[in-house]
């Protein structure tokens, strides 16, 4: 995924939600579908829940990417001979 892509959360015709690149018609990066039971329980707050879920996922992915980059740097430092 490009670091410069803007993302948007959209509600789909089927009532689900999708995270997609703003400048692309490609398939969504993530989709979230709630059961009828959850929809009834939560009511009109589904969009807020979707934002929280996607926000947590993006934050975790960012942390994992940073950790992987740091691990790669550490390994390269060990292998460098001067």
PDB file of N, CA and C in Angstrom:
ATOM      1  N   UNK A   1       0.842  -1.165   0.000  1.00  0.00           N
ATOM      2  CA  UNK A   1       0.000   0.000   0.000  1.00  0.00           C
ATOM      3  C   UNK A   1       0.886   1.225   0.000  1.00  0.00           C
ATOM      4  N   UNK A   2       0.592   2.181  -0.817  1.00  0.00           N
ATOM      5  CA  UNK A   2       1.364   3.404  -0.902  1.00  0.00           C
ATOM      6  C   UNK A   2       1.240   4.200   0.392  1.00  0.00           C
ATOM      7  N   UNK A   3       2.343   4.791   0.841  1.00  0.00           N
ATOM      8  CA  UNK A   3       2.315   5.604   2.053  1.00  0.00           C
ATOM      9  C   UNK A   3       1.528   6.890   1.852  1.00  0.00           C
ATOM     10  N   UNK A   4       1.295   7.272   0.623  1.00  0.00           N
ATOM     11  CA  UNK A   4       0.646   8.546   0.352  1.00  0.00           C
ATOM     12  C   UNK A   4      -0.811   8.401  -0.061  1.00  0.00           C
ATOM     13  N   UNK A   5      -1.363   7.242   0.047  1.00  0.00           N
ATOM     14  CA  UNK A   5      -2.765   7.035  -0.288  1.00  0.00           C
ATOM     15  C   UNK A   5      -3.642   7.554   0.839  1.00  0.00           C
ATOM     16  N   UNK A   6      -4.681   8.261   0.452  1.00  0.00           N
ATOM     17  CA  UNK A   6      -5.682   8.660   1.425  1.00  0.00           C
ATOM     18  C   UNK A   6      -6.739   7.572   1.458  1.00  0.00           C
ATOM     19  N   UNK A   7      -7.229   7.268   2.631  1.00  0.00           N
ATOM     20  CA  UNK A   7      -8.204   6.206   2.794  1.00  0.00           C
ATOM     21  C   UNK A   7      -9.538   6.800   3.218  1.00  0.00           C
ATOM     22  N   UNK A   8     -10.602   6.085   2.880  1.00  0.00           N
ATOM     23  CA  UNK A   8     -11.929   6.503   3.314  1.00  0.00           C
ATOM     24  C   UNK A   8     -12.722   5.281   3.741  1.00  0.00           C
ATOM     25  N   UNK A   9     -13.620   5.505   4.684  1.00  0.00           N
ATOM     26  CA  UNK A   9     -14.547   4.468   5.125  1.00  0.00           C
ATOM     27  C   UNK A   9     -15.889   4.788   4.493  1.00  0.00           C
ATOM     28  N   UNK A  10     -16.455   3.809   3.806  1.00  0.00           N
ATOM     29  CA  UNK A  10     -17.743   4.017   3.139  1.00  0.00           C
ATOM     30  C   UNK A  10     -18.736   2.948   3.585  1.00  0.00           C
ATOM     31  N   UNK A  11     -19.996   3.359   3.655  1.00  0.00           N
ATOM     32  CA  UNK A  11     -21.052   2.386   3.924  1.00  0.00           C
ATOM     33  C   UNK A  11     -21.491   1.818   2.592  1.00  0.00           C
ATOM     34  N   UNK A  12     -21.552   0.504   2.514  1.00  0.00           N
ATOM     35  CA  UNK A  12     -21.907  -0.169   1.272  1.00  0.00           C
ATOM     36  C   UNK A  12     -23.424  -0.347   1.174  1.00  0.00           C
ATOM     37  N   UNK A  13     -23.877  -0.632  -0.031  1.00  0.00           N
ATOM     38  CA  UNK A  13     -25.305  -0.809  -0.279  1.00  0.00           C
ATOM     39  C   UNK A  13     -25.906  -1.920   0.585  1.00  0.00           C
ATOM     40  N   UNK A  14     -25.107  -2.944   0.903  1.00  0.00           N
ATOM     41  CA  UNK A  14     -25.614  -4.074   1.688  1.00  0.00           C
ATOM     42  C   UNK A  14     -25.605  -3.805   3.192  1.00  0.00           C
ATOM     43  N   UNK A  15     -25.228  -2.592   3.598  1.00  0.00           N
ATOM     44  CA  UNK A  15     -25.204  -2.237   5.009  1.00  0.00           C
ATOM     45  C   UNK A  15     -23.863  -2.458   5.673  1.00  0.00           C
ATOM     46  N   UNK A  16     -22.934  -3.085   4.965  1.00  0.00           N
ATOM     47  CA  UNK A  16     -21.588  -3.275   5.490  1.00  0.00           C
ATOM     48  C   UNK A  16     -20.765  -2.000   5.309  1.00  0.00           C
ATOM     49  N   UNK A  17     -19.544  -2.055   5.761  1.00  0.00           N
ATOM     50  CA  UNK A  17     -18.638  -0.919   5.654  1.00  0.00           C
ATOM     51  C   UNK A  17     -17.359  -1.382   4.975  1.00  0.00           C
ATOM     52  N   UNK A  18     -16.693  -0.460   4.287  1.00  0.00           N
ATOM     53  CA  UNK A  18     -15.456  -0.801   3.588  1.00  0.00           C
ATOM     54  C   UNK A  18     -14.433   0.313   3.768  1.00  0.00           C
ATOM     55  N   UNK A  19     -13.177  -0.092   3.886  1.00  0.00           N
ATOM     56  CA  UNK A  19     -12.057   0.836   3.879  1.00  0.00           C
ATOM     57  C   UNK A  19     -11.425   0.727   2.502  1.00  0.00           C
ATOM     58  N   UNK A  20     -11.298   1.854   1.826  1.00  0.00           N
ATOM     59  CA  UNK A  20     -10.729   1.829   0.481  1.00  0.00           C
ATOM     60  C   UNK A  20      -9.869   3.061   0.256  1.00  0.00           C
ATOM     61  N   UNK A  21      -9.043   2.961  -0.773  1.00  0.00           N
ATOM     62  CA  UNK A  21      -8.238   4.111  -1.176  1.00  0.00           C
ATOM     63  C   UNK A  21      -9.162   5.140  -1.830  1.00  0.00           C
ATOM     64  N   UNK A  22      -8.970   6.373  -1.480  1.00  0.00           N
ATOM     65  CA  UNK A  22      -9.818   7.446  -1.998  1.00  0.00           C
ATOM     66  C   UNK A  22      -9.685   7.588  -3.504  1.00  0.00           C
ATOM     67  N   UNK A  23      -8.486   7.389  -4.028  1.00  0.00           N
ATOM     68  CA  UNK A  23      -8.209   7.636  -5.443  1.00  0.00           C
ATOM     69  C   UNK A  23      -8.239   6.369  -6.292  1.00  0.00           C
ATOM     70  N   UNK A  24      -8.959   5.331  -5.846  1.00  0.00           N
ATOM     71  CA  UNK A  24      -8.924   4.065  -6.561  1.00  0.00           C
ATOM     72  C   UNK A  24     -10.299   3.403  -6.576  1.00  0.00           C
ATOM     73  N   UNK A  25     -10.560   2.688  -7.654  1.00  0.00           N
ATOM     74  CA  UNK A  25     -11.779   1.890  -7.757  1.00  0.00           C
ATOM     75  C   UNK A  25     -11.492   0.405  -7.499  1.00  0.00           C
ATOM     76  N   UNK A  26     -10.293   0.096  -6.993  1.00  0.00           N
ATOM     77  CA  UNK A  26      -9.938  -1.288  -6.674  1.00  0.00           C
ATOM     78  C   UNK A  26     -10.854  -1.814  -5.568  1.00  0.00           C
ATOM     79  N   UNK A  27     -10.784  -3.123  -5.350  1.00  0.00           N
ATOM     80  CA  UNK A  27     -11.597  -3.707  -4.279  1.00  0.00           C
ATOM     81  C   UNK A  27     -11.164  -3.115  -2.938  1.00  0.00           C
ATOM     82  N   UNK A  28     -12.072  -3.072  -1.970  1.00  0.00           N
ATOM     83  CA  UNK A  28     -11.741  -2.487  -0.662  1.00  0.00           C
ATOM     84  C   UNK A  28     -10.579  -3.215   0.004  1.00  0.00           C
ATOM     85  N   UNK A  29      -9.855  -2.484   0.826  1.00  0.00           N
ATOM     86  CA  UNK A  29      -8.761  -3.067   1.592  1.00  0.00           C
ATOM     87  C   UNK A  29      -9.302  -3.902   2.741  1.00  0.00           C
ATOM     88  N   UNK A  30     -10.406  -3.459   3.328  1.00  0.00           N
ATOM     89  CA  UNK A  30     -11.034  -4.137   4.455  1.00  0.00           C
ATOM     90  C   UNK A  30     -12.537  -3.963   4.320  1.00  0.00           C
ATOM     91  N   UNK A  31     -13.285  -5.003   4.654  1.00  0.00           N
ATOM     92  CA  UNK A  31     -14.738  -4.877   4.751  1.00  0.00           C
ATOM     93  C   UNK A  31     -15.179  -5.384   6.115  1.00  0.00           C
ATOM     94  N   UNK A  32     -16.227  -4.762   6.632  1.00  0.00           N
ATOM     95  CA  UNK A  32     -16.785  -5.153   7.920  1.00  0.00           C
ATOM     96  C   UNK A  32     -18.287  -5.300   7.739  1.00  0.00           C
ATOM     97  N   UNK A  33     -18.780  -6.459   8.158  1.00  0.00           N
ATOM     98  CA  UNK A  33     -20.215  -6.756   8.059  1.00  0.00           C
ATOM     99  C   UNK A  33     -20.692  -7.176   9.438  1.00  0.00           C
ATOM    100  N   UNK A  34     -21.764  -6.580   9.923  1.00  0.00           N
ATOM    101  CA  UNK A  34     -22.315  -6.920  11.224  1.00  0.00           C
ATOM    102  C   UNK A  34     -23.557  -7.789  11.061  1.00  0.00           C
ATOM    103  N   UNK A  35     -23.744  -8.702  11.980  1.00  0.00           N
ATOM    104  CA  UNK A  35     -24.960  -9.520  11.980  1.00  0.00           C
ATOM    105  C   UNK A  35     -26.150  -8.630  12.354  1.00  0.00           C
ATOM    106  N   UNK A  36     -27.335  -9.107  12.047  1.00  0.00           N
ATOM    107  CA  UNK A  36     -28.543  -8.388  12.416  1.00  0.00           C
ATOM    108  C   UNK A  36     -28.643  -8.174  13.913  1.00  0.00           C
ATOM    109  N   UNK A  37     -28.214  -9.163  14.675  1.00  0.00           N
ATOM    110  CA  UNK A  37     -28.252  -9.056  16.140  1.00  0.00           C
ATOM    111  C   UNK A  37     -27.402  -7.887  16.626  1.00  0.00           C
ATOM    112  N   UNK A  38     -26.207  -7.754  16.067  1.00  0.00           N
ATOM    113  CA  UNK A  38     -25.325  -6.648  16.461  1.00  0.00           C
ATOM    114  C   UNK A  38     -25.916  -5.323  16.007  1.00  0.00           C
ATOM    115  N   UNK A  39     -26.451  -5.281  14.805  1.00  0.00           N
ATOM    116  CA  UNK A  39     -27.060  -4.044  14.309  1.00  0.00           C
ATOM    117  C   UNK A  39     -28.197  -3.597  15.225  1.00  0.00           C
ATOM    118  N   UNK A  40     -29.025  -4.528  15.656  1.00  0.00           N
ATOM    119  CA  UNK A  40     -30.124  -4.198  16.561  1.00  0.00           C
ATOM    120  C   UNK A  40     -29.606  -3.704  17.909  1.00  0.00           C
ATOM    121  N   UNK A  41     -28.575  -4.353  18.413  1.00  0.00           N
ATOM    122  CA  UNK A  41     -28.019  -3.999  19.719  1.00  0.00           C
ATOM    123  C   UNK A  41     -27.375  -2.613  19.695  1.00  0.00           C
ATOM    124  N   UNK A  42     -26.607  -2.328  18.648  1.00  0.00           N
ATOM    125  CA  UNK A  42     -25.826  -1.092  18.577  1.00  0.00           C
ATOM    126  C   UNK A  42     -26.664   0.078  18.062  1.00  0.00           C
ATOM    127  N   UNK A  43     -27.587  -0.206  17.204  1.00  0.00           N
ATOM    128  CA  UNK A  43     -28.406   0.867  16.647  1.00  0.00           C
ATOM    129  C   UNK A  43     -27.624   1.728  15.678  1.00  0.00           C
ATOM    130  N   UNK A  44     -27.741   3.029  15.835  1.00  0.00           N
ATOM    131  CA  UNK A  44     -27.125   3.964  14.894  1.00  0.00           C
ATOM    132  C   UNK A  44     -25.655   4.232  15.104  1.00  0.00           C
ATOM    133  N   UNK A  45     -25.022   3.527  16.032  1.00  0.00           N
ATOM    134  CA  UNK A  45     -23.615   3.784  16.342  1.00  0.00           C
ATOM    135  C   UNK A  45     -22.645   2.889  15.582  1.00  0.00           C
ATOM    136  N   UNK A  46     -23.112   2.194  14.569  1.00  0.00           N
ATOM    137  CA  UNK A  46     -22.237   1.271  13.828  1.00  0.00           C
ATOM    138  C   UNK A  46     -21.040   1.992  13.215  1.00  0.00           C
ATOM    139  N   UNK A  47     -21.262   3.160  12.644  1.00  0.00           N
ATOM    140  CA  UNK A  47     -20.159   3.884  11.998  1.00  0.00           C
ATOM    141  C   UNK A  47     -19.057   4.216  13.000  1.00  0.00           C
ATOM    142  N   UNK A  48     -19.442   4.591  14.217  1.00  0.00           N
ATOM    143  CA  UNK A  48     -18.433   4.887  15.245  1.00  0.00           C
ATOM    144  C   UNK A  48     -17.643   3.636  15.611  1.00  0.00           C
ATOM    145  N   UNK A  49     -18.317   2.512  15.679  1.00  0.00           N
ATOM    146  CA  UNK A  49     -17.645   1.244  15.991  1.00  0.00           C
ATOM    147  C   UNK A  49     -16.694   0.868  14.859  1.00  0.00           C
ATOM    148  N   UNK A  50     -17.131   1.028  13.620  1.00  0.00           N
ATOM    149  CA  UNK A  50     -16.279   0.732  12.459  1.00  0.00           C
ATOM    150  C   UNK A  50     -15.035   1.620  12.488  1.00  0.00           C
ATOM    151  N   UNK A  51     -15.199   2.905  12.756  1.00  0.00           N
ATOM    152  CA  UNK A  51     -14.044   3.816  12.826  1.00  0.00           C
ATOM    153  C   UNK A  51     -13.059   3.363  13.902  1.00  0.00           C
ATOM    154  N   UNK A  52     -13.583   2.954  15.053  1.00  0.00           N
ATOM    155  CA  UNK A  52     -12.711   2.493  16.138  1.00  0.00           C
ATOM    156  C   UNK A  52     -11.991   1.210  15.752  1.00  0.00           C
ATOM    157  N   UNK A  53     -12.706   0.284  15.117  1.00  0.00           N
ATOM    158  CA  UNK A  53     -12.101  -0.984  14.708  1.00  0.00           C
ATOM    159  C   UNK A  53     -11.003  -0.750  13.673  1.00  0.00           C
ATOM    160  N   UNK A  54     -11.296   0.060  12.675  1.00  0.00           N
ATOM    161  CA  UNK A  54     -10.305   0.321  11.627  1.00  0.00           C
ATOM    162  C   UNK A  54      -9.138   1.124  12.190  1.00  0.00           C
ATOM    163  N   UNK A  55      -9.425   2.084  13.059  1.00  0.00           N
ATOM    164  CA  UNK A  55      -8.351   2.865  13.684  1.00  0.00           C
ATOM    165  C   UNK A  55      -7.397   1.982  14.467  1.00  0.00           C
ATOM    166  N   UNK A  56      -7.956   1.041  15.227  1.00  0.00           N
ATOM    167  CA  UNK A  56      -7.116   0.111  15.997  1.00  0.00           C
ATOM    168  C   UNK A  56      -6.292  -0.768  15.065  1.00  0.00           C
ATOM    169  N   UNK A  57      -6.896  -1.204  13.967  1.00  0.00           N
ATOM    170  CA  UNK A  57      -6.173  -2.040  13.007  1.00  0.00           C
ATOM    171  C   UNK A  57      -5.038  -1.290  12.329  1.00  0.00           C
ATOM    172  N   UNK A  58      -5.289  -0.056  11.944  1.00  0.00           N
ATOM    173  CA  UNK A  58      -4.248   0.762  11.304  1.00  0.00           C
ATOM    174  C   UNK A  58      -3.116   1.029  12.282  1.00  0.00           C
ATOM    175  N   UNK A  59      -3.469   1.321  13.532  1.00  0.00           N
ATOM    176  CA  UNK A  59      -2.451   1.572  14.552  1.00  0.00           C
ATOM    177  C   UNK A  59      -1.585   0.331  14.777  1.00  0.00           C
ATOM    178  N   UNK A  60      -2.213  -0.843  14.855  1.00  0.00           N
ATOM    179  CA  UNK A  60      -1.466  -2.091  15.053  1.00  0.00           C
ATOM    180  C   UNK A  60      -0.568  -2.381  13.850  1.00  0.00           C
ATOM    181  N   UNK A  61      -1.094  -2.179  12.644  1.00  0.00           N
ATOM    182  CA  UNK A  61      -0.290  -2.413  11.434  1.00  0.00           C
ATOM    183  C   UNK A  61       0.909  -1.472  11.394  1.00  0.00           C
ATOM    184  N   UNK A  62       0.719  -0.233  11.810  1.00  0.00           N
ATOM    185  CA  UNK A  62       1.812   0.732  11.845  1.00  0.00           C
ATOM    186  C   UNK A  62       2.893   0.300  12.836  1.00  0.00           C
ATOM    187  N   UNK A  63       2.467  -0.158  14.005  1.00  0.00           N
ATOM    188  CA  UNK A  63       3.413  -0.633  15.014  1.00  0.00           C
ATOM    189  C   UNK A  63       4.188  -1.848  14.505  1.00  0.00           C
ATOM    190  N   UNK A  64       3.481  -2.771  13.861  1.00  0.00           N
ATOM    191  CA  UNK A  64       4.141  -3.969  13.329  1.00  0.00           C
ATOM    192  C   UNK A  64       5.147  -3.595  12.243  1.00  0.00           C
ATOM    193  N   UNK A  65       4.788  -2.644  11.393  1.00  0.00           N
ATOM    194  CA  UNK A  65       5.689  -2.203  10.327  1.00  0.00           C
ATOM    195  C   UNK A  65       6.932  -1.550  10.918  1.00  0.00           C
ATOM    196  N   UNK A  66       6.736  -0.712  11.918  1.00  0.00           N
ATOM    197  CA  UNK A  66       7.867  -0.052  12.581  1.00  0.00           C
ATOM    198  C   UNK A  66       8.775  -1.083  13.238  1.00  0.00           C
ATOM    199  N   UNK A  67       8.172  -2.060  13.932  1.00  0.00           N
ATOM    200  CA  UNK A  67       8.960  -3.107  14.593  1.00  0.00           C
ATOM    201  C   UNK A  67       9.759  -3.926  13.581  1.00  0.00           C
ATOM    202  N   UNK A  68       9.125  -4.253  12.451  1.00  0.00           N
ATOM    203  CA  UNK A  68       9.820  -5.032  11.414  1.00  0.00           C
ATOM    204  C   UNK A  68      10.980  -4.232  10.833  1.00  0.00           C
ATOM    205  N   UNK A  69      10.765  -2.944  10.626  1.00  0.00           N
ATOM    206  CA  UNK A  69      11.829  -2.086  10.088  1.00  0.00           C
ATOM    207  C   UNK A  69      13.003  -2.015  11.065  1.00  0.00           C
ATOM    208  N   UNK A  70      12.688  -1.848  12.355  1.00  0.00           N
ATOM    209  CA  UNK A  70      13.746  -1.785  13.366  1.00  0.00           C
ATOM    210  C   UNK A  70      14.499  -3.110  13.471  1.00  0.00           C
ATOM    211  N   UNK A  71      13.800  -4.227  13.372  1.00  0.00           N
ATOM    212  CA  UNK A  71      14.453  -5.539  13.422  1.00  0.00           C
ATOM    213  C   UNK A  71      15.380  -5.717  12.226  1.00  0.00           C
ATOM    214  N   UNK A  72      14.944  -5.252  11.065  1.00  0.00           N
ATOM    215  CA  UNK A  72      15.774  -5.346   9.866  1.00  0.00           C
ATOM    216  C   UNK A  72      17.019  -4.489  10.030  1.00  0.00           C
ATOM    217  N   UNK A  73      16.855  -3.288  10.579  1.00  0.00           N
ATOM    218  CA  UNK A  73      18.002  -2.409  10.811  1.00  0.00           C
ATOM    219  C   UNK A  73      18.984  -3.055  11.780  1.00  0.00           C
ATOM    220  N   UNK A  74      18.451  -3.656  12.852  1.00  0.00           N
ATOM    221  CA  UNK A  74      19.323  -4.323  13.835  1.00  0.00           C
ATOM    222  C   UNK A  74      20.105  -5.455  13.191  1.00  0.00           C
ATOM    223  N   UNK A  75      19.446  -6.222  12.337  1.00  0.00           N
ATOM    224  CA  UNK A  75      20.107  -7.350  11.680  1.00  0.00           C
ATOM    225  C   UNK A  75      21.175  -6.837  10.709  1.00  0.00           C
ATOM    226  N   UNK A  76      20.885  -5.757   9.992  1.00  0.00           N
ATOM    227  CA  UNK A  76      21.876  -5.194   9.069  1.00  0.00           C
ATOM    228  C   UNK A  76      23.080  -4.661   9.830  1.00  0.00           C
ATOM    229  N   UNK A  77      22.850  -4.071  11.010  1.00  0.00           N
ATOM    230  CA  UNK A  77      23.952  -3.553  11.819  1.00  0.00           C
ATOM    231  C   UNK A  77      24.860  -4.681  12.290  1.00  0.00           C
ATOM    232  N   UNK A  78      24.293  -5.827  12.613  1.00  0.00           N
ATOM    233  CA  UNK A  78      25.073  -6.976  13.084  1.00  0.00           C
ATOM    234  C   UNK A  78      25.911  -7.532  11.954  1.00  0.00           C
ATOM    235  N   UNK A  79      25.417  -7.509  10.737  1.00  0.00           N
ATOM    236  CA  UNK A  79      26.108  -8.106   9.602  1.00  0.00           C
ATOM    237  C   UNK A  79      27.138  -7.167   8.971  1.00  0.00           C
ATOM    238  N   UNK A  80      27.161  -5.907   9.374  1.00  0.00           N
ATOM    239  CA  UNK A  80      28.095  -4.953   8.785  1.00  0.00           C
ATOM    240  C   UNK A  80      29.473  -5.102   9.448  1.00  0.00           C
ATOM    241  N   UNK A  81      30.456  -5.355   8.609  1.00  0.00           N
ATOM    242  CA  UNK A  81      31.828  -5.477   9.098  1.00  0.00           C
ATOM    243  C   UNK A  81      32.608  -4.243   8.668  1.00  0.00           C
ATOM    244  N   UNK A  82      33.366  -3.705   9.614  1.00  0.00           N
ATOM    245  CA  UNK A  82      34.169  -2.507   9.296  1.00  0.00           C
ATOM    246  C   UNK A  82      35.611  -2.794   9.491  1.00  0.00           C
TER     247      UNK A  82
END
